[in-house]
Each structure stands twice: as C-alpha cells, then as structure tokens.
Amino acid sequence: MKTHFSPKNNPRVIIIQKLYGKFFNEEEDLSFPKHRFKRFIKDVVLGSIERNELIIDELESKLGNELNFKNLDKVFQIILTAATYEFLYKPNLSLNIIIKEYLNSSNFFLENSQTKYLNAILDNIGKKLRSKNARIWFN
C-alpha cells in the first residue's frame, strides 16, 4: 500500500509512536511539535491514554474469545487501542478511512502477513462498534 505521507509526517504513525512511548515508558513526557494535524494527533493520543481501560474492556467484550488482547504484540495493542478510540469517539470519520489509514501506518511497523491479520481484526471490531444496533454511550 502506498502512503501519501512520509513516515515522519504521517499522523497515524506519529500517534502509534507517541502511544508506544507513553505506554511502555511511562516517564516519557508527551510533546506535540508543530504539525499540520497536531490537534488531531493530540486528541487521539491523549484520548487513548485517558480512556485506555475503557477501550481495552470494549475490545475484549467485542472480540470475546476470538483473541486475547494482552497476548498480542505491543505494536498491535497500540494500533488497536488508537483505532478503537477513533471508532468510538470520531463518528465523523468513515470506518473504511480509519482502517485504511492504520493499515498504511502499520506497514512501517509490521510485516505484510501481520498487516493482513490486523485488517481482519480492525474490520471485525469496527463493524461491531459501528453497527446500527451498537449504542455508543461514550463522550
């Protein structure tokens, strides 16, 4: 998949890097340098950190016995957390756009076979969270 941004300018790559740094090095100070999508990046990063437990509970309830979140690769966990935040709290963004952007970004961190697996998981979670019957009660 071809990306429209270089890795250092891709907003989702920056989100993944910031979350990885914060979750696995808690002493790291988060700074958000000037960027075209600074507000979006900051919102997703801080929102994912703030609502991490809620997001993980939601992931585990939607995935059930299909997979154990804690046993996944750390980068997988970060991508699923950030994407789930966007599924829940960014209703104006299309499900397909969120999935496509995270798949493009995952190419910088994961191998092709892992990206295909990620696609299936994101699609599954996204459809369950955004289905007409799902009630989004978060704000």
N, C-alpha and C. Protein backbone atom coordinates (compact mmCIF):
# COMPACT_ATOMS: atom_id res chain seq x y z
N MET A 1 0.83 -1.19 0.00
CA MET A 1 0.00 0.00 0.00
C MET A 1 0.87 1.25 0.00
N LYS A 2 0.53 2.17 -0.80
CA LYS A 2 1.30 3.40 -0.90
C LYS A 2 0.72 4.46 0.03
N THR A 3 1.60 5.12 0.78
CA THR A 3 1.15 6.16 1.68
C THR A 3 1.38 7.52 1.06
N HIS A 4 0.58 8.47 1.48
CA HIS A 4 0.69 9.82 0.96
C HIS A 4 1.63 10.68 1.79
N PHE A 5 2.03 10.19 2.94
CA PHE A 5 2.92 10.92 3.83
C PHE A 5 4.20 10.13 4.01
N SER A 6 5.29 10.83 4.28
CA SER A 6 6.49 10.11 4.70
C SER A 6 6.23 9.64 6.13
N PRO A 7 6.95 8.64 6.60
CA PRO A 7 6.67 8.11 7.94
C PRO A 7 6.71 9.18 9.04
N LYS A 8 7.60 10.14 8.92
CA LYS A 8 7.69 11.13 9.99
C LYS A 8 6.56 12.16 9.94
N ASN A 9 5.83 12.23 8.83
CA ASN A 9 4.72 13.18 8.72
C ASN A 9 3.35 12.53 8.75
N ASN A 10 3.29 11.20 8.72
CA ASN A 10 2.01 10.51 8.73
C ASN A 10 1.39 10.62 10.12
N PRO A 11 0.21 11.21 10.25
CA PRO A 11 -0.38 11.42 11.57
C PRO A 11 -0.58 10.13 12.36
N ARG A 12 -0.99 9.04 11.71
CA ARG A 12 -1.22 7.79 12.44
C ARG A 12 0.09 7.15 12.88
N VAL A 13 1.15 7.32 12.11
CA VAL A 13 2.46 6.82 12.53
C VAL A 13 2.90 7.57 13.78
N ILE A 14 2.70 8.87 13.79
CA ILE A 14 3.06 9.69 14.96
C ILE A 14 2.23 9.26 16.16
N ILE A 15 0.93 9.01 15.96
CA ILE A 15 0.06 8.56 17.05
C ILE A 15 0.57 7.24 17.62
N ILE A 16 0.90 6.29 16.75
CA ILE A 16 1.41 4.99 17.21
C ILE A 16 2.71 5.16 17.98
N GLN A 17 3.61 6.00 17.49
CA GLN A 17 4.88 6.23 18.18
C GLN A 17 4.68 6.88 19.54
N LYS A 18 3.82 7.87 19.61
CA LYS A 18 3.57 8.56 20.88
C LYS A 18 2.95 7.61 21.90
N LEU A 19 1.95 6.83 21.47
CA LEU A 19 1.30 5.90 22.39
C LEU A 19 2.26 4.80 22.83
N TYR A 20 3.05 4.29 21.92
CA TYR A 20 4.03 3.26 22.28
C TYR A 20 4.99 3.81 23.33
N GLY A 21 5.49 5.01 23.08
CA GLY A 21 6.42 5.62 24.03
C GLY A 21 5.80 5.84 25.39
N LYS A 22 4.56 6.27 25.42
CA LYS A 22 3.89 6.56 26.70
C LYS A 22 3.50 5.30 27.45
N PHE A 23 2.95 4.30 26.76
CA PHE A 23 2.51 3.08 27.43
C PHE A 23 3.67 2.23 27.93
N PHE A 24 4.79 2.25 27.24
CA PHE A 24 5.89 1.37 27.60
C PHE A 24 7.08 2.10 28.18
N ASN A 25 6.96 3.41 28.35
CA ASN A 25 7.94 4.22 29.05
C ASN A 25 7.15 5.34 29.71
N GLU A 26 6.54 5.03 30.84
CA GLU A 26 5.59 5.95 31.46
C GLU A 26 6.19 7.29 31.87
N GLU A 27 7.50 7.33 31.99
CA GLU A 27 8.14 8.58 32.40
C GLU A 27 8.31 9.55 31.24
N GLU A 28 8.05 9.09 30.05
CA GLU A 28 8.22 9.94 28.87
C GLU A 28 7.22 11.10 28.88
N ASP A 29 7.73 12.29 28.65
CA ASP A 29 6.87 13.46 28.53
C ASP A 29 6.35 13.52 27.10
N LEU A 30 5.06 13.73 26.98
CA LEU A 30 4.47 13.86 25.66
C LEU A 30 4.58 15.29 25.19
N SER A 31 5.16 15.47 24.03
CA SER A 31 5.20 16.79 23.41
C SER A 31 4.65 16.64 22.00
N PHE A 32 4.01 17.67 21.56
CA PHE A 32 3.38 17.65 20.24
C PHE A 32 3.93 18.81 19.43
N PRO A 33 5.01 18.56 18.66
CA PRO A 33 5.59 19.63 17.86
C PRO A 33 4.64 20.08 16.76
N LYS A 34 4.99 21.17 16.17
CA LYS A 34 4.16 21.73 15.10
C LYS A 34 3.95 20.70 13.99
N HIS A 35 2.71 20.54 13.62
CA HIS A 35 2.34 19.58 12.57
C HIS A 35 0.99 20.01 12.01
N ARG A 36 0.78 19.71 10.78
CA ARG A 36 -0.48 20.07 10.12
C ARG A 36 -1.69 19.47 10.83
N PHE A 37 -1.53 18.28 11.41
CA PHE A 37 -2.63 17.60 12.09
C PHE A 37 -2.39 17.51 13.60
N LYS A 38 -1.71 18.50 14.16
CA LYS A 38 -1.34 18.47 15.58
C LYS A 38 -2.56 18.28 16.48
N ARG A 39 -3.62 18.98 16.22
CA ARG A 39 -4.82 18.90 17.05
C ARG A 39 -5.42 17.49 17.04
N PHE A 40 -5.49 16.90 15.86
CA PHE A 40 -6.00 15.54 15.71
C PHE A 40 -5.10 14.55 16.44
N ILE A 41 -3.80 14.65 16.22
CA ILE A 41 -2.83 13.75 16.84
C ILE A 41 -2.94 13.84 18.36
N LYS A 42 -2.95 15.05 18.87
CA LYS A 42 -3.03 15.27 20.31
C LYS A 42 -4.33 14.70 20.89
N ASP A 43 -5.43 14.91 20.19
CA ASP A 43 -6.72 14.41 20.64
C ASP A 43 -6.73 12.89 20.72
N VAL A 44 -6.24 12.22 19.69
CA VAL A 44 -6.25 10.75 19.67
C VAL A 44 -5.28 10.19 20.71
N VAL A 45 -4.10 10.76 20.81
CA VAL A 45 -3.11 10.26 21.77
C VAL A 45 -3.60 10.44 23.21
N LEU A 46 -3.99 11.65 23.56
CA LEU A 46 -4.43 11.90 24.94
C LEU A 46 -5.74 11.18 25.25
N GLY A 47 -6.65 11.11 24.28
CA GLY A 47 -7.90 10.39 24.48
C GLY A 47 -7.67 8.90 24.67
N SER A 48 -6.75 8.32 23.90
CA SER A 48 -6.45 6.89 24.03
C SER A 48 -5.81 6.58 25.37
N ILE A 49 -4.96 7.47 25.85
CA ILE A 49 -4.33 7.27 27.15
C ILE A 49 -5.37 7.40 28.26
N GLU A 50 -6.17 8.43 28.18
CA GLU A 50 -7.17 8.71 29.20
C GLU A 50 -8.22 7.59 29.29
N ARG A 51 -8.63 7.06 28.17
CA ARG A 51 -9.70 6.05 28.15
C ARG A 51 -9.19 4.65 27.86
N ASN A 52 -7.92 4.39 28.15
CA ASN A 52 -7.29 3.12 27.82
C ASN A 52 -8.03 1.92 28.41
N GLU A 53 -8.36 1.97 29.69
CA GLU A 53 -9.04 0.83 30.33
C GLU A 53 -10.41 0.59 29.70
N LEU A 54 -11.12 1.66 29.43
CA LEU A 54 -12.44 1.55 28.80
C LEU A 54 -12.33 0.96 27.39
N ILE A 55 -11.32 1.38 26.66
CA ILE A 55 -11.10 0.87 25.30
C ILE A 55 -10.75 -0.61 25.33
N ILE A 56 -9.88 -1.00 26.26
CA ILE A 56 -9.49 -2.41 26.37
C ILE A 56 -10.70 -3.27 26.76
N ASP A 57 -11.52 -2.78 27.68
CA ASP A 57 -12.74 -3.51 28.06
C ASP A 57 -13.66 -3.67 26.86
N GLU A 58 -13.80 -2.61 26.08
CA GLU A 58 -14.65 -2.65 24.89
C GLU A 58 -14.09 -3.64 23.86
N LEU A 59 -12.78 -3.63 23.67
CA LEU A 59 -12.15 -4.57 22.74
C LEU A 59 -12.38 -6.01 23.19
N GLU A 60 -12.15 -6.27 24.46
CA GLU A 60 -12.31 -7.63 24.96
C GLU A 60 -13.76 -8.10 24.90
N SER A 61 -14.71 -7.18 25.13
CA SER A 61 -16.12 -7.58 25.05
C SER A 61 -16.55 -7.84 23.60
N LYS A 62 -16.03 -7.06 22.65
CA LYS A 62 -16.41 -7.24 21.25
C LYS A 62 -15.71 -8.45 20.62
N LEU A 63 -14.49 -8.72 21.05
CA LEU A 63 -13.75 -9.83 20.46
C LEU A 63 -14.05 -11.15 21.17
N GLY A 64 -14.50 -11.06 22.41
CA GLY A 64 -14.84 -12.27 23.16
C GLY A 64 -13.67 -13.22 23.26
N ASN A 65 -13.90 -14.46 22.89
CA ASN A 65 -12.85 -15.49 22.97
C ASN A 65 -12.01 -15.58 21.71
N GLU A 66 -12.26 -14.70 20.74
CA GLU A 66 -11.55 -14.77 19.47
C GLU A 66 -10.05 -14.54 19.63
N LEU A 67 -9.68 -13.63 20.51
CA LEU A 67 -8.26 -13.42 20.79
C LEU A 67 -8.10 -12.73 22.14
N ASN A 68 -6.93 -12.92 22.72
CA ASN A 68 -6.62 -12.31 24.00
C ASN A 68 -5.78 -11.06 23.74
N PHE A 69 -6.33 -9.91 24.08
CA PHE A 69 -5.66 -8.63 23.80
C PHE A 69 -4.27 -8.57 24.41
N LYS A 70 -4.12 -9.04 25.64
CA LYS A 70 -2.84 -8.93 26.35
C LYS A 70 -1.74 -9.80 25.72
N ASN A 71 -2.14 -10.83 24.96
CA ASN A 71 -1.15 -11.71 24.32
C ASN A 71 -0.68 -11.21 22.97
N LEU A 72 -1.29 -10.16 22.47
CA LEU A 72 -0.91 -9.61 21.17
C LEU A 72 0.41 -8.85 21.27
N ASP A 73 1.06 -8.70 20.13
CA ASP A 73 2.26 -7.90 20.02
C ASP A 73 1.99 -6.47 20.52
N LYS A 74 2.97 -5.84 21.11
CA LYS A 74 2.78 -4.49 21.69
C LYS A 74 2.32 -3.47 20.65
N VAL A 75 2.90 -3.53 19.46
CA VAL A 75 2.51 -2.58 18.41
C VAL A 75 1.05 -2.84 17.99
N PHE A 76 0.68 -4.12 17.93
CA PHE A 76 -0.72 -4.49 17.65
C PHE A 76 -1.64 -3.87 18.68
N GLN A 77 -1.27 -3.98 19.95
CA GLN A 77 -2.09 -3.43 21.03
C GLN A 77 -2.27 -1.92 20.85
N ILE A 78 -1.20 -1.24 20.53
CA ILE A 78 -1.24 0.21 20.36
C ILE A 78 -2.15 0.58 19.18
N ILE A 79 -1.98 -0.09 18.06
CA ILE A 79 -2.78 0.22 16.88
C ILE A 79 -4.26 -0.05 17.15
N LEU A 80 -4.57 -1.18 17.78
CA LEU A 80 -5.96 -1.49 18.11
C LEU A 80 -6.55 -0.48 19.08
N THR A 81 -5.77 -0.04 20.04
CA THR A 81 -6.24 0.96 21.00
C THR A 81 -6.56 2.28 20.30
N ALA A 82 -5.64 2.76 19.49
CA ALA A 82 -5.85 4.04 18.80
C ALA A 82 -7.01 3.96 17.81
N ALA A 83 -7.08 2.87 17.05
CA ALA A 83 -8.16 2.72 16.07
C ALA A 83 -9.51 2.61 16.78
N THR A 84 -9.55 1.89 17.89
CA THR A 84 -10.80 1.76 18.64
C THR A 84 -11.23 3.10 19.21
N TYR A 85 -10.27 3.89 19.66
CA TYR A 85 -10.60 5.24 20.12
C TYR A 85 -11.29 6.00 18.99
N GLU A 86 -10.72 5.93 17.79
CA GLU A 86 -11.31 6.65 16.66
C GLU A 86 -12.68 6.07 16.28
N PHE A 87 -12.83 4.75 16.34
CA PHE A 87 -14.15 4.15 16.05
C PHE A 87 -15.21 4.70 17.00
N LEU A 88 -14.83 4.83 18.27
CA LEU A 88 -15.80 5.24 19.29
C LEU A 88 -16.02 6.75 19.35
N TYR A 89 -14.95 7.52 19.25
CA TYR A 89 -15.03 8.95 19.55
C TYR A 89 -14.88 9.86 18.34
N LYS A 90 -14.70 9.30 17.18
CA LYS A 90 -14.60 10.11 15.95
C LYS A 90 -15.66 9.63 14.95
N PRO A 91 -16.95 9.81 15.28
CA PRO A 91 -18.01 9.28 14.43
C PRO A 91 -18.07 9.93 13.04
N ASN A 92 -17.47 11.08 12.87
CA ASN A 92 -17.48 11.75 11.56
C ASN A 92 -16.50 11.10 10.58
N LEU A 93 -15.55 10.31 11.11
CA LEU A 93 -14.59 9.63 10.23
C LEU A 93 -15.16 8.29 9.81
N SER A 94 -15.07 8.01 8.54
CA SER A 94 -15.58 6.75 7.99
C SER A 94 -14.77 5.57 8.55
N LEU A 95 -15.48 4.48 8.78
CA LEU A 95 -14.86 3.25 9.25
C LEU A 95 -13.76 2.81 8.30
N ASN A 96 -14.04 2.87 7.00
CA ASN A 96 -13.06 2.44 6.00
C ASN A 96 -11.82 3.32 5.98
N ILE A 97 -11.99 4.61 6.20
CA ILE A 97 -10.84 5.52 6.22
C ILE A 97 -9.95 5.23 7.42
N ILE A 98 -10.56 5.03 8.57
CA ILE A 98 -9.78 4.73 9.78
C ILE A 98 -8.97 3.46 9.56
N ILE A 99 -9.63 2.42 9.08
CA ILE A 99 -8.95 1.14 8.85
C ILE A 99 -7.82 1.31 7.83
N LYS A 100 -8.10 1.99 6.72
CA LYS A 100 -7.09 2.18 5.67
C LYS A 100 -5.87 2.95 6.20
N GLU A 101 -6.13 4.00 6.96
CA GLU A 101 -5.02 4.80 7.49
C GLU A 101 -4.15 4.01 8.47
N TYR A 102 -4.78 3.21 9.33
CA TYR A 102 -3.98 2.41 10.27
C TYR A 102 -3.25 1.27 9.56
N LEU A 103 -3.84 0.73 8.51
CA LEU A 103 -3.13 -0.30 7.75
C LEU A 103 -1.92 0.29 7.03
N ASN A 104 -2.10 1.47 6.44
CA ASN A 104 -0.96 2.16 5.80
C ASN A 104 0.14 2.43 6.82
N SER A 105 -0.24 2.89 8.00
CA SER A 105 0.74 3.19 9.04
C SER A 105 1.40 1.93 9.58
N SER A 106 0.64 0.85 9.64
CA SER A 106 1.20 -0.38 10.19
C SER A 106 2.32 -0.94 9.31
N ASN A 107 2.35 -0.56 8.03
CA ASN A 107 3.41 -1.03 7.15
C ASN A 107 4.79 -0.60 7.63
N PHE A 108 4.88 0.45 8.43
CA PHE A 108 6.15 0.91 8.95
C PHE A 108 6.60 0.10 10.17
N PHE A 109 5.67 -0.68 10.76
CA PHE A 109 5.96 -1.40 12.00
C PHE A 109 5.80 -2.91 11.89
N LEU A 110 4.95 -3.38 10.99
CA LEU A 110 4.60 -4.80 10.91
C LEU A 110 4.94 -5.38 9.55
N GLU A 111 5.03 -6.71 9.52
CA GLU A 111 5.25 -7.39 8.25
C GLU A 111 3.92 -7.52 7.52
N ASN A 112 3.98 -7.85 6.24
CA ASN A 112 2.78 -7.91 5.40
C ASN A 112 1.73 -8.89 5.94
N SER A 113 2.17 -10.05 6.40
CA SER A 113 1.22 -11.05 6.92
C SER A 113 0.52 -10.52 8.18
N GLN A 114 1.25 -9.80 9.01
CA GLN A 114 0.66 -9.22 10.21
C GLN A 114 -0.34 -8.12 9.84
N THR A 115 -0.04 -7.37 8.79
CA THR A 115 -0.94 -6.31 8.34
C THR A 115 -2.27 -6.89 7.87
N LYS A 116 -2.23 -8.04 7.20
CA LYS A 116 -3.46 -8.69 6.76
C LYS A 116 -4.30 -9.13 7.96
N TYR A 117 -3.63 -9.66 8.98
CA TYR A 117 -4.32 -10.07 10.20
C TYR A 117 -4.92 -8.85 10.90
N LEU A 118 -4.16 -7.77 10.95
CA LEU A 118 -4.65 -6.52 11.54
C LEU A 118 -5.87 -6.02 10.80
N ASN A 119 -5.86 -6.11 9.48
CA ASN A 119 -7.01 -5.69 8.68
C ASN A 119 -8.26 -6.45 9.10
N ALA A 120 -8.15 -7.76 9.26
CA ALA A 120 -9.30 -8.58 9.66
C ALA A 120 -9.80 -8.18 11.04
N ILE A 121 -8.88 -7.95 11.97
CA ILE A 121 -9.28 -7.58 13.33
C ILE A 121 -9.94 -6.21 13.34
N LEU A 122 -9.33 -5.22 12.67
CA LEU A 122 -9.91 -3.88 12.64
C LEU A 122 -11.28 -3.88 11.98
N ASP A 123 -11.41 -4.62 10.93
CA ASP A 123 -12.70 -4.71 10.24
C ASP A 123 -13.76 -5.31 11.16
N ASN A 124 -13.40 -6.37 11.86
CA ASN A 124 -14.30 -7.03 12.79
C ASN A 124 -14.73 -6.09 13.92
N ILE A 125 -13.76 -5.45 14.54
CA ILE A 125 -14.05 -4.53 15.65
C ILE A 125 -14.86 -3.34 15.17
N GLY A 126 -14.43 -2.76 14.06
CA GLY A 126 -15.12 -1.59 13.54
C GLY A 126 -16.58 -1.86 13.24
N LYS A 127 -16.87 -2.98 12.61
CA LYS A 127 -18.25 -3.31 12.29
C LYS A 127 -19.07 -3.55 13.55
N LYS A 128 -18.47 -4.18 14.55
CA LYS A 128 -19.20 -4.42 15.79
C LYS A 128 -19.46 -3.12 16.56
N LEU A 129 -18.49 -2.23 16.56
CA LEU A 129 -18.64 -0.97 17.29
C LEU A 129 -19.54 0.02 16.57
N ARG A 130 -19.53 -0.02 15.26
CA ARG A 130 -20.30 0.96 14.49
C ARG A 130 -21.60 0.40 13.92
N SER A 131 -21.97 -0.80 14.34
CA SER A 131 -23.21 -1.37 13.81
C SER A 131 -24.39 -0.52 14.25
N LYS A 132 -25.50 -0.63 13.53
CA LYS A 132 -26.69 0.17 13.84
C LYS A 132 -27.24 -0.16 15.21
N ASN A 133 -27.01 -1.39 15.67
CA ASN A 133 -27.54 -1.80 16.96
C ASN A 133 -26.63 -1.40 18.13
N ALA A 134 -25.38 -1.06 17.82
CA ALA A 134 -24.45 -0.70 18.89
C ALA A 134 -24.80 0.67 19.44
N ARG A 135 -24.79 0.78 20.71
CA ARG A 135 -25.07 2.06 21.37
C ARG A 135 -23.75 2.64 21.85
N ILE A 136 -23.41 3.78 21.32
CA ILE A 136 -22.18 4.44 21.77
C ILE A 136 -22.59 5.44 22.84
N TRP A 137 -22.22 5.14 24.03
CA TRP A 137 -22.61 5.96 25.17
C TRP A 137 -21.44 6.73 25.73
N PHE A 138 -20.34 6.78 24.99
CA PHE A 138 -19.13 7.48 25.44
C PHE A 138 -19.18 8.92 24.97
N ASN A 139 -18.62 9.80 25.73
CA ASN A 139 -18.39 11.20 25.32
C ASN A 139 -17.42 11.86 26.23
